[in-house]
């Protein structure tokens, strides 16, 4: 009886690691799925789409140009918003990687879209040749200010470019004045404003062209906002009709004139 009991205990103990392993495998799967979901929601670019993009100084993943902070040396870009607090907590730790990122960005195609002094849209007629390249401004006053203290505006100049140089619809060069600000906070540039309507009508079709250039959209947020906007005119029209009907149903007030 004792021998049988001992073997029975040994069998149970031997089976425990297998059961624990199976249980662990089952419990890990939802965690992994959740991690992937969070990564996508935060707007990370896939490795394939971002193979030609600079790397995030925190995660060493392709950058999303929509996630950035401005520093004294220019903007620093990240793969997702979650990396920004880590960088700001210890900038010195990531200084070398941030420098390497700026060097990589300098080799990318880019288009200046903002004035480095005021941050406003550029005027193609207001520019100056600086260090062998054209620098554009919003007005001639800003051009004069920049020339007085170029070092002061150097970091802002680096942040005045967009790396989205191609229209996601037609594929041609963008026009700096042709852009739209989407409900998720992203700015998309086009070759002309006629492309904005086409782009919004087929977001899923055109967004991969943006990802290749380092711009990620939150499609769910955009679609939700556009659905809400589509309802507004109907609601307003319904309210106007109800108001008119209410007025039509009221009898006209008769005023007596006293002599």
Protein backbone atom coordinates (compact mmCIF):
# COMPACT_ATOMS: atom_id res chain seq x y z
CA UNK A 1 0.00 0.00 0.00
CA UNK A 2 2.86 2.37 0.89
CA UNK A 3 4.70 1.65 -2.37
CA UNK A 4 1.61 2.35 -4.48
CA UNK A 5 0.96 5.63 -2.63
CA UNK A 6 4.56 6.72 -3.16
CA UNK A 7 4.39 6.08 -6.92
CA UNK A 8 1.05 7.89 -7.11
CA UNK A 9 2.58 10.98 -5.47
CA UNK A 10 5.56 10.85 -7.85
CA UNK A 11 3.28 10.74 -10.89
CA UNK A 12 1.33 13.80 -9.69
CA UNK A 13 4.53 15.76 -8.96
CA UNK A 14 6.01 14.84 -12.35
CA UNK A 15 2.85 16.04 -14.12
CA UNK A 16 2.85 19.42 -12.39
CA UNK A 17 5.51 21.14 -14.59
CA UNK A 18 3.66 20.05 -17.73
CA UNK A 19 0.41 21.50 -16.41
CA UNK A 20 2.14 24.68 -15.35
CA UNK A 21 3.79 25.02 -18.76
CA UNK A 22 0.48 24.61 -20.56
CA UNK A 23 -1.17 27.08 -18.20
CA UNK A 24 1.69 29.54 -18.68
CA UNK A 25 1.43 29.23 -22.48
CA UNK A 26 -2.30 29.98 -22.35
CA UNK A 27 -1.85 32.96 -20.05
CA UNK A 28 0.99 34.44 -22.15
CA UNK A 29 -0.99 34.47 -25.38
CA UNK A 30 -3.52 37.18 -24.36
CA UNK A 31 -0.66 39.30 -22.97
CA UNK A 32 1.23 39.10 -26.27
CA UNK A 33 -1.90 39.95 -28.24
CA UNK A 34 -2.55 42.91 -25.95
CA UNK A 35 1.01 44.19 -26.44
CA UNK A 36 0.64 44.08 -30.22
CA UNK A 37 -2.69 45.89 -29.98
CA UNK A 38 -1.19 48.67 -27.86
CA UNK A 39 1.71 49.06 -30.30
CA UNK A 40 -0.66 49.52 -33.23
CA UNK A 41 -2.87 51.95 -31.32
CA UNK A 42 0.16 54.08 -30.44
CA UNK A 43 0.93 54.52 -34.12
CA UNK A 44 4.13 52.53 -34.58
CA UNK A 45 5.32 51.98 -38.15
CA UNK A 46 5.97 48.42 -39.28
CA UNK A 47 9.61 47.44 -39.87
CA UNK A 48 8.92 46.81 -43.56
CA UNK A 49 7.21 50.17 -44.18
CA UNK A 50 9.86 52.04 -42.20
CA UNK A 51 12.98 50.29 -43.48
CA UNK A 52 14.35 53.54 -44.97
CA UNK A 53 13.42 55.77 -42.03
CA UNK A 54 15.64 57.02 -39.18
CA UNK A 55 15.45 55.13 -35.88
CA UNK A 56 13.85 56.07 -32.59
CA UNK A 57 16.57 56.84 -29.99
CA UNK A 58 14.68 54.86 -27.34
CA UNK A 59 13.42 51.69 -29.09
CA UNK A 60 15.57 51.71 -32.24
CA UNK A 61 12.39 51.30 -34.31
CA UNK A 62 11.40 53.36 -37.41
CA UNK A 63 10.29 56.86 -36.42
CA UNK A 64 6.83 58.33 -36.76
CA UNK A 65 7.44 61.97 -37.72
CA UNK A 66 4.18 62.84 -35.96
CA UNK A 67 5.81 62.00 -32.59
CA UNK A 68 8.49 64.54 -31.74
CA UNK A 69 9.85 67.03 -29.23
CA UNK A 70 11.76 70.22 -30.00
CA UNK A 71 15.22 70.57 -28.44
CA UNK A 72 17.97 73.21 -28.64
CA UNK A 73 19.53 71.14 -31.44
CA UNK A 74 16.30 70.64 -33.39
CA UNK A 75 13.44 68.13 -33.28
CA UNK A 76 13.87 64.54 -32.07
CA UNK A 77 11.48 61.95 -33.49
CA UNK A 78 10.16 58.76 -31.88
CA UNK A 79 8.40 55.56 -32.87
CA UNK A 80 5.46 56.22 -30.53
CA UNK A 81 4.28 58.76 -27.90
CA UNK A 82 5.32 56.43 -25.07
CA UNK A 83 9.00 57.05 -25.82
CA UNK A 84 8.82 60.81 -25.33
CA UNK A 85 8.72 60.83 -21.47
CA UNK A 86 11.66 58.40 -21.36
CA UNK A 87 13.72 60.72 -23.53
CA UNK A 88 12.81 63.86 -21.58
CA UNK A 89 13.66 62.15 -18.30
CA UNK A 90 17.29 61.58 -19.35
CA UNK A 91 18.21 63.47 -22.56
CA UNK A 92 21.95 63.05 -21.97
CA UNK A 93 21.59 59.27 -22.05
CA UNK A 94 20.14 59.38 -25.58
CA UNK A 95 22.15 62.35 -26.90
CA UNK A 96 24.35 60.27 -29.23
CA UNK A 97 21.39 58.46 -30.74
CA UNK A 98 19.51 61.74 -31.20
CA UNK A 99 22.55 63.14 -33.02
CA UNK A 100 22.72 60.06 -35.26
CA UNK A 101 19.02 60.54 -36.03
CA UNK A 102 19.57 64.18 -37.08
CA UNK A 103 22.36 63.08 -39.41
CA UNK A 104 20.07 60.44 -40.93
CA UNK A 105 17.26 62.99 -41.36
CA UNK A 106 19.61 65.37 -43.17
CA UNK A 107 20.04 62.73 -45.90
CA UNK A 108 16.30 62.29 -46.47
CA UNK A 109 14.22 64.18 -49.05
CA UNK A 110 12.40 67.03 -47.32
CA UNK A 111 10.36 70.14 -48.10
CA UNK A 112 10.31 73.34 -46.06
CA UNK A 113 6.73 74.21 -45.12
CA UNK A 114 7.06 76.58 -42.13
CA UNK A 115 8.82 79.85 -41.42
CA UNK A 116 11.72 79.22 -38.97
CA UNK A 117 11.01 82.53 -37.20
CA UNK A 118 7.21 82.63 -36.77
CA UNK A 119 6.26 79.03 -37.59
CA UNK A 120 3.68 80.19 -40.13
CA UNK A 121 3.24 78.79 -43.70
CA UNK A 122 6.01 79.99 -46.00
CA UNK A 123 5.72 82.56 -48.75
CA UNK A 124 7.59 81.38 -51.85
CA UNK A 125 8.53 84.99 -52.64
CA UNK A 126 10.29 85.50 -49.28
CA UNK A 127 13.54 83.55 -49.24
CA UNK A 128 17.29 83.94 -48.81
CA UNK A 129 20.32 81.91 -49.82
CA UNK A 130 21.85 80.63 -46.56
CA UNK A 131 24.76 78.18 -46.47
CA UNK A 132 24.18 77.30 -50.10
CA UNK A 133 20.46 76.54 -49.78
CA UNK A 134 17.21 78.47 -50.08
CA UNK A 135 15.49 79.20 -46.78
CA UNK A 136 11.90 80.40 -47.00
CA UNK A 137 10.00 82.68 -44.64
CA UNK A 138 6.42 83.83 -44.12
CA UNK A 139 7.39 87.45 -44.82
CA UNK A 140 10.38 89.68 -45.50
CA UNK A 141 10.45 90.92 -41.90
CA UNK A 142 11.16 87.38 -40.70
CA UNK A 143 13.89 87.03 -43.31
CA UNK A 144 15.61 90.10 -41.83
CA UNK A 145 15.25 88.75 -38.27
CA UNK A 146 16.77 85.43 -39.29
CA UNK A 147 19.76 87.09 -40.94
CA UNK A 148 20.43 89.11 -37.77
CA UNK A 149 20.71 85.97 -35.59
CA UNK A 150 20.83 82.76 -37.66
CA UNK A 151 22.15 80.65 -34.76
CA UNK A 152 19.10 81.59 -32.69
CA UNK A 153 16.75 80.08 -35.29
CA UNK A 154 18.87 77.09 -36.38
CA UNK A 155 16.89 74.52 -34.34
CA UNK A 156 13.58 75.97 -35.56
CA UNK A 157 14.80 75.72 -39.16
CA UNK A 158 15.40 71.98 -38.73
CA UNK A 159 11.83 71.68 -37.48
CA UNK A 160 10.38 73.65 -40.39
CA UNK A 161 10.57 70.73 -42.83
CA UNK A 162 8.21 67.87 -43.62
CA UNK A 163 9.59 64.52 -44.71
CA UNK A 164 6.32 63.71 -46.42
CA UNK A 165 7.46 64.92 -49.82
CA UNK A 166 5.05 62.98 -52.04
CA UNK A 167 1.28 63.28 -52.38
CA UNK A 168 -0.32 60.04 -51.05
CA UNK A 169 -2.95 60.14 -53.82
CA UNK A 170 -1.13 61.13 -57.01
CA UNK A 171 2.43 60.34 -55.94
CA UNK A 172 3.81 63.66 -57.21
CA UNK A 173 5.68 66.36 -55.23
CA UNK A 174 3.66 68.09 -52.52
CA UNK A 175 2.72 71.77 -52.59
CA UNK A 176 3.51 73.33 -49.16
CA UNK A 177 0.25 75.32 -49.22
CA UNK A 178 -1.90 72.24 -50.00
CA UNK A 179 -2.48 70.44 -46.72
CA UNK A 180 -5.23 69.26 -44.39
CA UNK A 181 -5.23 68.81 -40.61
CA UNK A 182 -7.01 65.56 -39.75
CA UNK A 183 -9.02 64.81 -36.56
CA UNK A 184 -6.20 62.67 -35.12
CA UNK A 185 -3.85 65.68 -35.12
CA UNK A 186 -1.94 64.65 -38.24
CA UNK A 187 -1.18 67.03 -41.10
CA UNK A 188 -1.21 65.56 -44.62
CA UNK A 189 0.26 67.36 -47.61
CA UNK A 190 -0.99 66.98 -51.20
CA UNK A 191 0.02 68.06 -54.67
CA UNK A 192 -3.26 70.01 -54.76
CA UNK A 193 -6.32 70.36 -52.51
CA UNK A 194 -8.39 68.30 -54.94
CA UNK A 195 -6.62 65.22 -53.58
CA UNK A 196 -7.93 65.78 -50.04
CA UNK A 197 -11.43 64.55 -50.90
CA UNK A 198 -10.08 61.47 -52.68
CA UNK A 199 -7.78 60.71 -49.76
CA UNK A 200 -10.54 60.92 -47.15
CA UNK A 201 -12.85 58.76 -49.25
CA UNK A 202 -10.33 55.88 -49.29
CA UNK A 203 -8.12 56.24 -46.23
CA UNK A 204 -7.09 52.59 -46.06
CA UNK A 205 -5.95 52.68 -49.68
CA UNK A 206 -3.68 55.70 -49.38
CA UNK A 207 -2.29 55.53 -45.82
CA UNK A 208 0.46 52.99 -46.70
CA UNK A 209 1.99 55.67 -48.95
CA UNK A 210 2.17 57.94 -45.91
CA UNK A 211 3.69 55.25 -43.68
CA UNK A 212 6.56 54.82 -46.11
CA UNK A 213 7.32 58.51 -45.53
CA UNK A 214 7.04 58.29 -41.75
CA UNK A 215 3.49 59.54 -41.20
CA UNK A 216 1.04 57.31 -39.31
CA UNK A 217 -2.67 58.04 -39.01
CA UNK A 218 -5.11 56.91 -36.34
CA UNK A 219 -7.76 55.63 -38.75
CA UNK A 220 -10.31 54.77 -36.06
CA UNK A 221 -10.19 58.27 -34.61
CA UNK A 222 -10.48 59.89 -38.05
CA UNK A 223 -13.38 57.70 -39.18
CA UNK A 224 -15.23 58.27 -35.90
CA UNK A 225 -14.83 62.06 -36.17
CA UNK A 226 -15.97 62.09 -39.79
CA UNK A 227 -19.08 60.04 -38.96
CA UNK A 228 -19.94 62.50 -36.20
CA UNK A 229 -19.43 65.42 -38.59
CA UNK A 230 -21.67 63.74 -41.17
CA UNK A 231 -24.50 63.57 -38.62
CA UNK A 232 -24.29 67.24 -37.66
CA UNK A 233 -25.94 68.74 -40.80
CA UNK A 234 -28.82 66.25 -40.54
CA UNK A 235 -29.36 67.11 -36.88
CA UNK A 236 -29.17 70.86 -37.58
CA UNK A 237 -31.57 70.53 -40.52
CA UNK A 238 -33.99 68.55 -38.38
CA UNK A 239 -33.82 71.23 -35.69
CA UNK A 240 -34.48 73.99 -38.22
CA UNK A 241 -37.52 72.15 -39.62
CA UNK A 242 -38.90 71.60 -36.13
CA UNK A 243 -38.44 75.27 -35.35
CA UNK A 244 -40.22 76.29 -38.56
CA UNK A 245 -43.04 73.83 -37.85
CA UNK A 246 -43.46 75.23 -34.37
CA UNK A 247 -43.71 78.73 -35.75
CA UNK A 248 -46.20 77.61 -38.42
CA UNK A 249 -48.41 75.94 -35.81
CA UNK A 250 -48.71 79.04 -33.68
CA UNK A 251 -51.70 81.27 -34.44
CA UNK A 252 -50.84 84.80 -35.41
CA UNK A 253 -51.20 87.26 -32.61
CA UNK A 254 -53.75 89.99 -33.27
CA UNK A 255 -52.85 93.40 -32.05
CA UNK A 256 -55.61 95.83 -31.23
CA UNK A 257 -54.98 99.39 -32.21
CA UNK A 258 -56.27 101.89 -29.78
CA UNK A 259 -57.30 105.31 -31.11
